[in-house]
Protein backbone atom coordinates (compact mmCIF):
# COMPACT_ATOMS: atom_id res chain seq x y z
CA MET A 1 -0.22 0.03 -0.14
CA ASP A 2 3.24 2.42 -0.54
CA ASP A 3 1.34 4.42 -3.37
CA THR A 4 -2.02 4.58 -1.42
CA GLY A 5 -1.25 8.36 -0.56
CA THR A 6 -0.47 9.28 -4.35
CA LEU A 7 -3.69 7.53 -5.38
CA VAL A 8 -5.83 9.72 -2.88
CA ARG A 9 -4.02 12.93 -3.74
CA HIS A 10 -5.18 11.86 -7.38
CA ALA A 11 -8.57 11.05 -6.24
CA GLN A 12 -8.80 14.35 -4.53
CA GLU A 13 -7.86 16.11 -7.79
CA GLY A 14 -10.71 14.42 -9.33
CA ASP A 15 -9.30 11.45 -10.66
CA ARG A 16 -12.16 8.79 -10.90
CA GLY A 17 -9.53 6.10 -12.23
CA ALA A 18 -7.75 6.68 -9.21
CA PHE A 19 -10.46 6.65 -6.73
CA GLY A 20 -11.62 3.12 -8.65
CA GLU A 21 -8.31 1.66 -7.83
CA LEU A 22 -8.51 2.68 -4.29
CA VAL A 23 -11.97 0.71 -4.55
CA GLY A 24 -10.12 -2.24 -5.84
CA ARG A 25 -7.80 -2.25 -3.42
CA PHE A 26 -9.65 -1.55 -0.21
CA GLN A 27 -13.07 -3.41 -1.44
CA ASP A 28 -12.27 -6.81 0.45
CA MET A 29 -11.17 -5.18 3.74
CA VAL A 30 -14.41 -2.79 3.82
CA TYR A 31 -16.42 -5.85 3.20
CA GLY A 32 -14.60 -7.63 5.84
CA CYS A 33 -15.10 -5.17 8.29
CA ALA A 34 -18.59 -4.74 7.68
CA TYR A 35 -19.39 -8.35 7.74
CA ALA A 36 -16.98 -8.40 11.39
CA VAL A 37 -19.73 -5.73 12.46
CA LEU A 38 -23.12 -6.95 11.22
CA GLY A 39 -22.88 -10.77 10.65
CA ASP A 40 -24.53 -10.66 7.42
CA PHE A 41 -22.84 -10.99 3.88
CA HIS A 42 -25.71 -9.13 2.04
CA LEU A 43 -25.88 -6.30 4.47
CA ALA A 44 -22.09 -6.19 4.32
CA GLU A 45 -22.31 -5.56 0.55
CA ASP A 46 -24.49 -2.64 0.92
CA VAL A 47 -22.89 -0.94 4.00
CA SER A 48 -19.37 -1.29 1.28
CA VAL A 49 -21.24 0.53 -1.43
CA ASP A 50 -22.28 3.13 0.83
CA ALA A 51 -19.04 3.45 2.78
CA PHE A 52 -17.13 4.01 -0.47
CA LEU A 53 -19.63 6.61 -1.72
CA ALA A 54 -19.42 8.57 1.55
CA ALA A 55 -15.29 8.27 1.33
CA TYR A 56 -15.75 9.69 -2.08
CA GLN A 57 -17.85 12.48 -0.90
CA GLY A 58 -15.73 13.36 1.91
CA LEU A 59 -12.52 13.08 0.50
CA GLY A 60 -11.56 16.66 0.39
CA GLU A 61 -11.66 16.61 4.50
CA LEU A 62 -8.94 14.17 4.30
CA ARG A 63 -5.96 16.14 5.01
CA GLU A 64 -3.41 13.21 5.22
CA PRO A 65 -3.81 10.95 2.35
CA GLU A 66 -1.23 8.20 3.83
CA ALA A 67 -3.78 7.95 6.41
CA PHE A 68 -6.89 6.92 4.33
CA PRO A 69 -6.88 3.19 5.07
CA GLY A 70 -7.71 4.17 9.09
CA TRP A 71 -9.74 6.88 8.04
CA LEU A 72 -11.88 4.72 5.43
CA ARG A 73 -12.41 2.12 8.31
CA ARG A 74 -14.08 4.93 10.26
CA ILE A 75 -16.38 5.48 7.84
CA VAL A 76 -17.14 1.57 7.51
CA LEU A 77 -17.96 1.52 11.16
CA ARG A 78 -20.27 4.47 11.11
CA GLN A 79 -22.20 2.98 7.90
CA CYS A 80 -22.71 -0.02 10.00
CA ARG A 81 -24.07 2.01 12.97
CA ARG A 82 -26.64 3.34 11.15
CA GLN A 83 -27.44 -0.22 9.37
CA LEU A 84 -27.72 -1.80 12.68
CA ARG A 85 -30.11 1.16 13.81
CA ARG A 86 -32.19 0.71 10.86
CA ARG A 87 -32.26 -3.12 11.61
CA ARG A 88 -35.85 -3.94 13.09
CA ALA A 89 -36.15 -6.32 15.48
CA GLY A 90 -37.28 -9.99 14.64
CA SER A 91 -36.38 -9.51 10.93
CA VAL A 92 -35.42 -12.64 8.90
CA SER A 93 -31.32 -12.66 8.31
CA LEU A 94 -31.08 -11.74 4.42
CA ASP A 95 -28.44 -14.92 4.26
CA ALA A 96 -31.11 -17.01 5.46
CA ALA A 97 -33.71 -15.93 2.92
CA ALA A 98 -31.42 -16.54 0.31
CA ASP A 99 -30.41 -19.87 1.18
CA VAL A 100 -34.32 -20.79 1.68
CA ALA A 101 -35.05 -19.08 -1.85
CA SER A 102 -32.09 -20.76 -3.65
CA PRO A 103 -32.27 -23.80 -5.94
CA GLY A 104 -29.69 -26.15 -6.54
CA PRO A 105 -28.75 -29.18 -4.82
CA GLY A 106 -30.91 -31.78 -3.44
CA PRO A 107 -32.68 -31.51 0.19
CA ALA A 108 -29.54 -33.51 1.81
CA GLU A 109 -26.88 -31.42 0.04
CA VAL A 110 -28.36 -28.31 1.13
CA VAL A 111 -29.00 -29.16 5.27
CA GLU A 112 -25.43 -30.16 5.09
CA ALA A 113 -24.09 -26.89 3.39
CA ARG A 114 -26.15 -25.05 5.75
CA GLU A 115 -25.06 -26.67 8.62
CA ALA A 116 -21.33 -26.40 7.91
CA LYS A 117 -22.09 -22.53 7.03
CA GLY A 118 -23.81 -22.20 10.49
CA ARG A 119 -20.92 -23.80 12.19
CA VAL A 120 -18.75 -21.48 10.73
CA MET A 121 -20.49 -18.26 11.22
CA GLU A 122 -21.31 -19.22 14.74
CA ALA A 123 -17.13 -19.70 15.30
CA LEU A 124 -16.46 -16.67 14.07
CA ALA A 125 -19.55 -14.68 16.04
CA LYS A 126 -18.02 -16.34 19.22
CA LEU A 127 -14.53 -14.61 18.70
CA PRO A 128 -14.07 -11.47 20.64
CA GLY A 129 -14.85 -8.37 18.50
CA PRO A 130 -11.18 -7.46 18.01
CA GLN A 131 -10.24 -11.22 16.85
CA ARG A 132 -13.56 -11.37 14.68
CA MET A 133 -12.21 -8.32 12.81
CA ALA A 134 -8.64 -9.45 12.63
CA THR A 135 -9.25 -12.97 11.38
CA THR A 136 -11.92 -11.85 9.09
CA LEU A 137 -10.08 -9.38 6.94
CA PHE A 138 -7.18 -11.93 7.04
CA TYR A 139 -8.78 -14.55 5.53
CA ILE A 140 -10.80 -12.55 3.28
CA ASN A 141 -8.38 -11.96 0.97
CA GLY A 142 -4.95 -12.80 2.53
CA TYR A 143 -4.10 -9.16 3.31
CA SER A 144 -0.95 -8.80 5.13
CA GLN A 145 -0.36 -8.18 9.09
CA LYS A 146 0.82 -4.70 7.91
CA GLU A 147 -2.19 -3.92 5.75
CA ILE A 148 -4.74 -5.03 8.32
CA ALA A 149 -2.67 -2.83 10.88
CA ASP A 150 -2.77 0.36 8.85
CA PHE A 151 -6.71 -0.33 8.34
CA LEU A 152 -7.14 -0.93 12.20
CA GLU A 153 -4.85 1.87 13.28
CA VAL A 154 -2.89 -0.44 15.69
CA PRO A 155 0.40 -2.06 15.80
CA VAL A 156 1.40 -4.90 13.76
CA ALA A 157 2.13 -7.00 16.91
CA THR A 158 -1.34 -6.16 18.17
CA VAL A 159 -2.96 -8.06 14.82
CA ASN A 160 -0.47 -10.70 15.11
CA ASN A 161 -1.40 -11.24 19.15
CA ARG A 162 -5.42 -11.32 17.75
CA LEU A 163 -4.84 -13.52 14.63
CA HIS A 164 -2.58 -15.77 17.36
CA ASP A 165 -5.58 -15.58 19.87
CA SER A 166 -8.24 -16.67 17.36
CA ARG A 167 -6.38 -19.45 16.02
CA ARG A 168 -5.95 -20.88 19.50
CA GLN A 169 -9.89 -20.70 19.89
CA LEU A 170 -10.49 -21.87 16.23
CA LYS A 171 -9.43 -25.63 15.38
CA LYS A 172 -7.53 -25.97 12.11
CA ARG A 173 -10.23 -27.47 10.31
CA MET A 174 -12.66 -24.91 11.53
CA LEU A 175 -9.86 -22.02 10.25
CA ASP A 176 -9.93 -23.60 6.86
CA MET A 177 -13.79 -23.42 6.75
CA VAL A 178 -13.62 -20.05 7.82
CA LYS A 179 -11.19 -19.52 5.02
CA ASP A 180 -13.16 -20.85 2.26
CA GLU A 181 -16.20 -19.33 3.24
CA LEU A 182 -15.06 -15.86 3.56
CA GLU A 183 -13.34 -16.10 0.17
CA ALA A 184 -16.20 -17.39 -1.61
CA LYS A 185 -18.33 -14.46 -0.17
CA ALA A 186 -15.70 -11.88 -1.12
CA PRO A 187 -17.29 -9.47 -3.74
CA ASP A 188 -16.17 -10.26 -7.11
CA PRO A 189 -12.65 -8.28 -8.01
CA SER A 190 -13.99 -5.94 -10.85
CA GLU A 191 -17.73 -5.64 -9.82
CA MET A 192 -17.47 -3.52 -6.99
CA SER A 193 -15.07 -1.02 -8.45
CA GLY A 194 -16.97 -1.05 -11.52
CA ARG A 195 -20.29 -0.21 -9.53
CA ILE A 196 -18.67 2.97 -7.80
CA THR A 197 -17.01 4.33 -11.14
CA PHE A 198 -20.29 4.09 -12.72
CA LEU A 199 -22.22 5.87 -10.10
CA LEU A 200 -19.20 8.51 -10.16
CA GLY A 201 -19.26 8.59 -13.72
CA LEU A 202 -23.18 9.33 -13.72
CA ALA A 203 -22.67 11.82 -11.30
CA GLU A 204 -20.04 13.63 -13.35
CA ARG A 205 -22.22 14.11 -16.57
CA LEU A 206 -25.92 14.92 -14.75
CA ALA A 207 -23.94 17.45 -13.28
CA LYS A 208 -23.17 18.94 -16.84
CA GLY A 209 -27.14 18.81 -17.29
CA GLU A 210 -26.87 15.89 -20.04
CA PRO A 211 -30.27 13.66 -20.17
CA ILE A 212 -29.92 10.75 -18.08
CA LEU A 213 -30.87 8.25 -20.59
CA TYR A 214 -27.99 9.63 -23.04
CA VAL A 215 -25.62 9.48 -19.96
CA LEU A 216 -27.10 5.82 -19.29
CA LYS A 217 -26.36 4.84 -22.81
CA THR A 218 -22.87 6.29 -22.57
CA LEU A 219 -21.99 4.64 -19.46
CA GLU A 220 -23.10 1.39 -20.87
CA GLN A 221 -20.79 1.44 -23.79
CA GLU A 222 -18.04 2.08 -21.26
CA ALA A 223 -19.06 -0.19 -18.71
CA GLU A 224 -16.47 -3.42 -18.75
CA SER A 225 -18.82 -5.62 -16.35
CA GLN A 226 -21.60 -7.59 -18.55
CA ALA A 227 -23.87 -7.61 -15.54
CA LEU A 228 -23.62 -3.75 -15.18
CA ARG A 229 -24.08 -3.34 -19.08
CA ALA A 230 -27.33 -5.70 -18.80
CA VAL A 231 -28.65 -3.66 -15.92
CA ILE A 232 -28.22 -0.26 -18.24
CA ARG A 233 -30.03 -1.94 -21.07
CA GLU A 234 -32.82 -3.19 -18.92
CA VAL A 235 -33.51 0.46 -17.82
CA HIS A 236 -33.49 1.32 -21.51
CA ASP A 237 -35.70 -1.29 -22.36
CA SER A 238 -38.48 -0.43 -19.78
CA VAL A 239 -38.46 3.07 -20.96
CA ASP A 240 -38.65 2.19 -24.52
CA SER A 241 -41.61 0.00 -23.84
CA GLY A 242 -43.56 2.85 -22.05
CA GLY A 243 -42.57 2.31 -18.77
CA THR A 244 -41.09 4.70 -15.93
CA LEU A 245 -37.65 5.23 -15.31
CA CYS A 246 -37.83 4.89 -11.38
CA GLU A 247 -39.17 1.36 -11.69
CA PRO A 248 -36.34 -0.50 -13.14
CA LEU A 249 -33.70 1.61 -10.79
CA ALA A 250 -35.77 0.53 -7.86
CA ALA A 251 -35.37 -2.93 -9.23
CA HIS A 252 -31.67 -2.59 -9.12
CA ALA A 253 -31.34 -0.87 -5.89
CA LYS A 254 -28.17 -2.77 -5.01
CA LEU A 255 -26.76 -0.59 -8.03
CA PHE A 256 -28.60 2.57 -7.32
CA PRO A 257 -28.47 3.83 -3.86
CA PRO A 258 -32.09 4.97 -2.29
CA MET A 259 -31.50 8.40 -2.49
CA VAL A 260 -30.83 8.51 -6.14
CA ILE A 261 -34.02 6.17 -6.83
CA TRP A 262 -35.85 8.75 -4.56
CA LEU A 263 -34.92 11.81 -6.63
CA ILE A 264 -35.15 10.54 -9.87
CA GLU A 265 -38.61 9.10 -9.00
CA ALA A 266 -39.84 12.37 -7.70
CA GLY A 267 -38.53 14.38 -11.11
CA GLU A 268 -40.44 12.02 -13.02
CA TYR A 269 -43.50 12.13 -11.46
CA LEU A 270 -43.73 15.97 -10.80
CA TRP A 271 -42.30 16.67 -14.52
CA SER A 272 -38.84 18.45 -13.09
CA LEU A 273 -36.57 15.19 -13.86
CA ASN A 274 -33.59 17.50 -15.09
CA ASP A 275 -33.38 19.70 -11.88
CA THR A 276 -33.76 16.47 -9.53
CA ALA A 277 -31.27 14.42 -12.01
CA ARG A 278 -28.76 17.24 -10.86
CA MET A 279 -29.49 16.94 -7.26
CA ALA A 280 -28.61 13.54 -7.59
CA ALA A 281 -25.51 14.45 -9.10
CA ASP A 282 -24.68 16.61 -6.35
CA TRP A 283 -25.46 14.08 -4.00
CA LEU A 284 -23.53 11.40 -5.17
CA GLN A 285 -20.43 13.80 -5.44
CA ARG A 286 -20.61 15.56 -2.38
CA GLY A 287 -23.49 14.05 -0.17
CA GLU A 288 -25.19 17.68 -0.04
CA TYR A 289 -27.06 19.90 -2.78
CA ASN A 290 -28.86 23.26 -3.21
CA VAL A 291 -32.14 23.08 -4.53
CA ASP A 292 -35.19 25.42 -5.69
CA PRO A 293 -37.47 25.29 -2.40
CA TYR A 294 -40.66 25.36 -4.45
CA ALA A 295 -39.56 22.44 -6.77
CA PHE A 296 -41.79 19.96 -5.58
CA ALA A 297 -45.05 22.22 -4.42
CA TRP A 298 -47.05 22.31 -7.45
CA PHE A 299 -50.52 21.44 -6.82
CA PRO A 300 -53.02 21.13 -3.68
CA PHE A 301 -53.14 17.92 -1.64
CA GLY A 302 -55.55 17.56 1.38
CA TYR A 303 -55.76 13.74 2.62
CA LEU A 304 -53.84 14.89 5.90
CA GLN A 305 -55.81 18.18 6.60
CA ARG A 306 -58.06 16.56 9.68
CA GLU A 307 -55.53 14.19 10.84
CA ILE A 308 -53.13 17.31 11.43
CA LYS A 309 -55.97 19.24 12.95
CA LYS A 310 -56.49 16.47 15.20
CA GLY A 311 -52.87 15.54 16.11
CA LEU A 312 -51.92 19.28 16.78
CA ALA A 313 -54.86 19.85 19.34
CA LYS A 314 -54.33 16.16 20.85
CA GLY A 315 -50.24 16.50 21.36
CA VAL A 316 -49.30 14.10 18.86
CA THR A 317 -45.42 14.49 18.58
CA ALA A 318 -45.49 13.36 14.72
CA LEU A 319 -47.40 11.82 11.60
CA VAL A 320 -45.58 9.05 10.34
CA ILE A 321 -45.82 6.84 6.90
CA ASP A 322 -43.11 4.03 6.74
CA THR A 323 -43.89 1.85 3.41
CA ARG A 324 -41.37 -1.14 5.41
CA ARG A 325 -44.21 -1.54 7.89
CA THR A 326 -47.30 -2.85 6.58
CA LYS A 327 -50.36 -4.11 8.69
CA GLU A 328 -53.55 -6.44 7.66
CA VAL A 329 -56.91 -4.64 7.40
CA PRO A 330 -59.24 -5.79 9.81
CA ARG A 331 -62.39 -7.71 8.88
CA ALA A 332 -61.08 -7.26 5.22
CA LYS A 333 -61.50 -10.05 2.68
CA GLY A 334 -58.43 -11.81 1.95
CA LYS A 335 -56.80 -9.80 4.49
CA PRO A 336 -54.62 -7.76 2.55
CA LYS A 337 -51.56 -5.84 3.80
CA LEU A 338 -51.35 -2.19 3.41
CA VAL A 339 -49.05 0.80 4.54
CA TRP A 340 -50.78 2.49 7.27
CA LEU A 341 -50.76 6.38 8.44
CA GLN A 342 -49.57 6.32 12.17
CA ARG A 343 -49.51 8.76 15.44
CA GLU A 344 -46.25 9.10 17.01
CA LEU A 345 -47.21 10.02 20.87
CA PRO A 346 -44.96 11.62 23.10
CA SER A 347 -43.78 8.38 24.52
CA GLY A 348 -42.60 7.32 21.09
CA SER A 349 -45.12 4.31 20.52
CA LEU A 350 -46.80 4.20 17.47
CA GLU A 351 -50.54 3.99 16.83
CA ASP A 352 -52.05 3.31 14.07
CA VAL A 353 -54.66 5.84 12.45
CA TRP A 354 -55.81 4.55 8.79
CA PRO A 355 -54.23 2.37 5.82
CA LEU A 356 -53.70 4.85 2.98
CA PRO A 357 -55.71 5.20 -0.09
CA GLY A 358 -55.30 4.15 -3.47
CA ARG A 359 -51.44 3.54 -4.04
CA VAL A 360 -49.12 4.46 -2.10
CA GLY A 361 -46.55 5.59 -4.59
CA GLU A 362 -49.35 8.28 -5.53
CA TYR A 363 -50.01 9.03 -2.26
CA LEU A 364 -46.58 10.06 -1.46
CA VAL A 365 -46.30 11.87 -4.93
CA GLY A 366 -48.89 14.16 -3.42
CA LEU A 367 -47.35 14.74 -0.19
CA ARG A 368 -44.06 16.02 -2.09
CA ALA A 369 -46.15 18.12 -4.08
CA LEU A 370 -46.79 19.97 -0.94
CA THR A 371 -43.64 20.31 0.41
CA ILE A 372 -41.37 23.40 0.28
CA LEU A 373 -37.87 22.34 0.55
CA ASP A 374 -35.28 23.29 2.69
CA GLU A 375 -32.67 25.40 0.25
CA HIS A 376 -29.85 23.23 1.59
CA GLN A 377 -30.03 19.26 1.49
CA LYS A 378 -27.08 17.32 3.37
CA GLY A 379 -27.12 13.43 3.80
CA GLU A 380 -29.39 10.39 3.06
CA ALA A 381 -32.71 12.40 3.63
CA ILE A 382 -34.82 14.84 2.41
CA THR A 383 -36.05 17.88 4.39
CA GLY A 384 -38.22 20.73 4.22
CA ASN A 385 -41.87 22.10 5.63
CA LEU A 386 -45.11 20.34 4.45
CA ARG A 387 -47.75 23.56 3.71
CA MET A 388 -51.50 23.21 4.03
CA ARG A 389 -54.63 24.75 4.90
CA LEU A 390 -56.49 23.11 7.91
CA GLN A 391 -59.65 24.57 6.61
CA PRO A 392 -60.38 25.68 3.09
CA GLN A 393 -61.56 29.01 4.50
CA ASP A 394 -58.37 29.85 6.28
CA ALA A 395 -56.65 32.73 4.88
CA ALA A 396 -53.12 31.18 5.88
CA GLU A 397 -51.11 27.95 5.51
CA ILE A 398 -49.46 26.34 8.37
CA MET A 399 -45.75 24.87 7.67
CA LEU A 400 -44.93 21.83 9.35
CA PRO A 401 -41.49 20.48 9.24
CA VAL A 402 -41.27 17.10 7.27
CA THR A 403 -38.54 14.42 6.41
CA TYR A 404 -38.48 12.10 3.81
CA ARG A 405 -36.12 9.22 4.20
CA PRO A 406 -35.29 6.66 1.51
CA PHE A 407 -33.96 3.09 2.34
CA ARG A 408 -33.53 0.13 -0.23
CA ASP A 409 -36.23 -1.53 1.00
CA GLY A 410 -39.06 1.29 1.46
CA GLU A 411 -39.23 4.83 2.69
CA GLU A 412 -40.34 6.90 5.77
CA VAL A 413 -42.15 9.85 5.96
CA ARG A 414 -42.19 11.83 9.59
CA ILE A 415 -44.34 15.03 9.59
CA LEU A 416 -43.45 17.02 12.73
CA LEU A 417 -46.13 18.58 14.66
CA GLN A 418 -44.81 19.42 17.95
CA THR A 419 -41.66 21.66 17.94
């Protein structure tokens, strides 16, 4: 890693190729670090993409390029903490869900492989945190003790001691199984850097005002990955056949970050795609952007008037719509599951109000159309003020703080009633 500092300096000067090399060099390190914390390979992959984007966005803040490995690790850990906060209690592991759904060998082979994998993961999970981290980084790609020490910002002797302690706890056969499992789960050497390079190229061109479909077509020709080219073609085919742009983007949420999908969807529905595409470009490059406050506020919407009025009178803290949480409709035939509007009470508990009428996407579009955005946006949420009259005859509108927070598996809208 002797030339890491040189690559960082080039990347700070805008060289996307240099940053791509950094991604290729550190992707297994980042992925292994995330897995050691989260214990889930799929979530670790999501965190890896988020961490590299966050690193690119904050690269200008790094004063000592040679300190990049440790600085990157702190970003990964911050993204892991965010992911842990988002993880809902009782949710099924994505690894487990993938195993259940995956076709392939017969039942006996599947059960045997799953049991072996379970023993490996259990053995790793039982190691103390520092040992688990060092072991994962060492076996996922054969990183040297010096490379691991630079990433963890500890002496090489400390890494050696942690590896020695973990070897004492894991038998030789189990160590071989750990090595095989981690190597098998490591990201494809070209996929991760290809994805990040693609997103940064998308941002660079969108920031210049180039139409998004033209940009995607250009990037398809430049992409080295066949899988990436196939995704871009799928997006084009969907639009050519009369579909929306946001739907195929959402179908490939592993490639496109939630914020990008959210902004493209908002722009497409509200006829301001060029504006929101530039916002997406700014967010990809810097993690923040400036907007026209009235970019979304263009037609009336009154579904929430009565509930907001009642909530203000009763001291309700906020109204919440979370599309990741669905509940059955009581006494409804077939027990359909719908997204509900919920009250957040001062105690922090949530209380169902009523299921959202019609298509949830259309409902949320209506909310956005009443939102006056904050002029400066930063981070992984959209903030602004929801404007509406509580009564049709009211001369003045009320303004309520609102936050839209996109996730890979849905969206949360929070309308604050008590400040």
